[in-house]
Amino acid sequence: MKLLISFVYYLMWTSLILTVFGLFKPWLALWWADYSNRKQVLQYYGTTFLLLLIMYIIMTGIA
């Protein structure tokens, strides 16, 4: 269980860092997309960050 919590924790921080980078230069975070803007960065990485944050809070509350 600790391995899963650590994995979610590091994925959460990675998505937060990519969100911050993507707000300044969207093509850095969305290099695979043909067209990228800040709204897409928030949709992909912001949503991922929030979901992982909720998962992390739930898992650490249970463990």
N, C-alpha and C. Protein backbone atom coordinates (compact mmCIF):
# COMPACT_ATOMS: atom_id res chain seq x y z
N MET A 1 0.82 -1.19 0.00
CA MET A 1 0.00 0.00 0.00
C MET A 1 0.87 1.26 0.00
N LYS A 2 1.99 1.20 0.72
CA LYS A 2 2.88 2.37 0.75
C LYS A 2 3.47 2.66 -0.62
N LEU A 3 3.72 1.61 -1.39
CA LEU A 3 4.24 1.81 -2.74
C LEU A 3 3.21 2.53 -3.62
N LEU A 4 1.95 2.16 -3.50
CA LEU A 4 0.89 2.81 -4.27
C LEU A 4 0.72 4.27 -3.84
N ILE A 5 0.80 4.53 -2.54
CA ILE A 5 0.69 5.90 -2.05
C ILE A 5 1.85 6.74 -2.57
N SER A 6 3.06 6.19 -2.56
CA SER A 6 4.21 6.92 -3.08
C SER A 6 4.08 7.18 -4.57
N PHE A 7 3.59 6.21 -5.31
CA PHE A 7 3.41 6.37 -6.75
C PHE A 7 2.40 7.49 -7.05
N VAL A 8 1.29 7.50 -6.35
CA VAL A 8 0.28 8.55 -6.54
C VAL A 8 0.85 9.90 -6.14
N TYR A 9 1.62 9.94 -5.06
CA TYR A 9 2.23 11.18 -4.58
C TYR A 9 3.16 11.78 -5.63
N TYR A 10 4.04 10.98 -6.20
CA TYR A 10 4.98 11.49 -7.20
C TYR A 10 4.30 11.84 -8.52
N LEU A 11 3.30 11.08 -8.89
CA LEU A 11 2.53 11.42 -10.09
C LEU A 11 1.78 12.73 -9.91
N MET A 12 1.27 12.95 -8.70
CA MET A 12 0.55 14.19 -8.40
C MET A 12 1.48 15.39 -8.55
N TRP A 13 2.68 15.31 -8.00
CA TRP A 13 3.62 16.42 -8.11
C TRP A 13 4.11 16.62 -9.53
N THR A 14 4.26 15.54 -10.28
CA THR A 14 4.65 15.66 -11.68
C THR A 14 3.59 16.39 -12.49
N SER A 15 2.34 16.06 -12.25
CA SER A 15 1.28 16.75 -12.98
C SER A 15 1.17 18.21 -12.56
N LEU A 16 1.45 18.52 -11.30
CA LEU A 16 1.44 19.92 -10.86
C LEU A 16 2.57 20.71 -11.53
N ILE A 17 3.74 20.11 -11.62
CA ILE A 17 4.88 20.78 -12.27
C ILE A 17 4.59 21.00 -13.75
N LEU A 18 4.03 20.00 -14.41
CA LEU A 18 3.68 20.15 -15.83
C LEU A 18 2.59 21.19 -16.03
N THR A 19 1.68 21.31 -15.07
CA THR A 19 0.66 22.35 -15.16
C THR A 19 1.29 23.73 -15.08
N VAL A 20 2.20 23.92 -14.15
CA VAL A 20 2.85 25.22 -14.00
C VAL A 20 3.69 25.54 -15.23
N PHE A 21 4.47 24.59 -15.72
CA PHE A 21 5.24 24.82 -16.95
C PHE A 21 4.32 25.12 -18.12
N GLY A 22 3.21 24.39 -18.21
CA GLY A 22 2.29 24.55 -19.32
C GLY A 22 1.56 25.88 -19.31
N LEU A 23 1.42 26.50 -18.15
CA LEU A 23 0.79 27.81 -18.11
C LEU A 23 1.69 28.88 -18.71
N PHE A 24 2.99 28.69 -18.64
CA PHE A 24 3.93 29.65 -19.23
C PHE A 24 4.23 29.32 -20.68
N LYS A 25 4.49 28.06 -20.96
CA LYS A 25 4.78 27.62 -22.33
C LYS A 25 4.01 26.33 -22.60
N PRO A 26 2.82 26.45 -23.16
CA PRO A 26 1.97 25.27 -23.34
C PRO A 26 2.59 24.17 -24.20
N TRP A 27 3.42 24.53 -25.15
CA TRP A 27 4.00 23.51 -26.02
C TRP A 27 4.98 22.62 -25.27
N LEU A 28 5.51 23.06 -24.12
CA LEU A 28 6.38 22.20 -23.32
C LEU A 28 5.60 21.05 -22.68
N ALA A 29 4.41 21.35 -22.21
CA ALA A 29 3.61 20.32 -21.53
C ALA A 29 2.83 19.45 -22.52
N LEU A 30 2.41 20.05 -23.61
CA LEU A 30 1.62 19.32 -24.60
C LEU A 30 2.40 19.17 -25.90
N TRP A 31 3.59 18.63 -25.81
CA TRP A 31 4.47 18.51 -26.98
C TRP A 31 3.88 17.56 -28.01
N TRP A 32 3.00 16.66 -27.61
CA TRP A 32 2.45 15.66 -28.52
C TRP A 32 1.23 16.17 -29.27
N ALA A 33 0.68 17.31 -28.87
CA ALA A 33 -0.53 17.83 -29.51
C ALA A 33 -0.15 18.74 -30.68
N ASP A 34 -0.98 18.73 -31.72
CA ASP A 34 -0.73 19.61 -32.86
C ASP A 34 -0.93 21.07 -32.48
N TYR A 35 -1.93 21.34 -31.67
CA TYR A 35 -2.22 22.69 -31.23
C TYR A 35 -2.38 22.66 -29.71
N SER A 36 -1.70 23.53 -29.02
CA SER A 36 -1.80 23.52 -27.56
C SER A 36 -1.99 24.94 -27.04
N ASN A 37 -2.85 25.05 -26.06
CA ASN A 37 -3.05 26.33 -25.39
C ASN A 37 -3.18 26.08 -23.88
N ARG A 38 -3.30 27.15 -23.13
CA ARG A 38 -3.31 27.03 -21.67
C ARG A 38 -4.56 26.32 -21.15
N LYS A 39 -5.66 26.47 -21.86
CA LYS A 39 -6.88 25.79 -21.44
C LYS A 39 -6.73 24.28 -21.52
N GLN A 40 -6.08 23.81 -22.58
CA GLN A 40 -5.85 22.37 -22.71
C GLN A 40 -4.92 21.86 -21.62
N VAL A 41 -3.91 22.65 -21.27
CA VAL A 41 -3.00 22.26 -20.20
C VAL A 41 -3.76 22.08 -18.90
N LEU A 42 -4.64 23.03 -18.59
CA LEU A 42 -5.44 22.92 -17.37
C LEU A 42 -6.40 21.75 -17.43
N GLN A 43 -6.94 21.47 -18.61
CA GLN A 43 -7.86 20.34 -18.74
C GLN A 43 -7.14 19.02 -18.51
N TYR A 44 -5.99 18.84 -19.11
CA TYR A 44 -5.28 17.57 -18.98
C TYR A 44 -4.58 17.43 -17.63
N TYR A 45 -3.68 18.33 -17.35
CA TYR A 45 -2.83 18.17 -16.17
C TYR A 45 -3.48 18.71 -14.90
N GLY A 46 -4.31 19.74 -15.01
CA GLY A 46 -5.00 20.25 -13.83
C GLY A 46 -6.00 19.26 -13.28
N THR A 47 -6.77 18.65 -14.18
CA THR A 47 -7.73 17.63 -13.77
C THR A 47 -7.01 16.41 -13.19
N THR A 48 -5.93 16.01 -13.82
CA THR A 48 -5.15 14.88 -13.33
C THR A 48 -4.61 15.17 -11.94
N PHE A 49 -4.10 16.38 -11.74
CA PHE A 49 -3.58 16.76 -10.42
C PHE A 49 -4.67 16.70 -9.36
N LEU A 50 -5.84 17.24 -9.66
CA LEU A 50 -6.91 17.25 -8.67
C LEU A 50 -7.39 15.83 -8.33
N LEU A 51 -7.52 14.98 -9.34
CA LEU A 51 -7.93 13.59 -9.08
C LEU A 51 -6.89 12.85 -8.25
N LEU A 52 -5.61 13.03 -8.57
CA LEU A 52 -4.56 12.37 -7.80
C LEU A 52 -4.47 12.92 -6.39
N LEU A 53 -4.72 14.20 -6.21
CA LEU A 53 -4.72 14.79 -4.88
C LEU A 53 -5.84 14.19 -4.03
N ILE A 54 -7.01 14.05 -4.61
CA ILE A 54 -8.13 13.44 -3.89
C ILE A 54 -7.81 11.99 -3.54
N MET A 55 -7.24 11.26 -4.50
CA MET A 55 -6.85 9.87 -4.23
C MET A 55 -5.82 9.79 -3.11
N TYR A 56 -4.85 10.70 -3.12
CA TYR A 56 -3.81 10.69 -2.10
C TYR A 56 -4.40 10.98 -0.72
N ILE A 57 -5.29 11.95 -0.63
CA ILE A 57 -5.93 12.28 0.65
C ILE A 57 -6.75 11.10 1.16
N ILE A 58 -7.48 10.46 0.29
CA ILE A 58 -8.29 9.31 0.69
C ILE A 58 -7.39 8.15 1.15
N MET A 59 -6.33 7.88 0.40
CA MET A 59 -5.47 6.75 0.74
C MET A 59 -4.68 7.00 2.02
N THR A 60 -4.22 8.20 2.24
CA THR A 60 -3.48 8.45 3.48
C THR A 60 -4.41 8.53 4.68
N GLY A 61 -5.67 8.89 4.46
CA GLY A 61 -6.63 8.89 5.54
C GLY A 61 -6.99 7.47 5.98
N ILE A 62 -6.99 6.55 5.03
CA ILE A 62 -7.32 5.15 5.31
C ILE A 62 -6.13 4.43 5.92
N ALA A 63 -4.94 4.71 5.37
CA ALA A 63 -3.74 3.98 5.82
C ALA A 63 -3.27 4.47 7.12
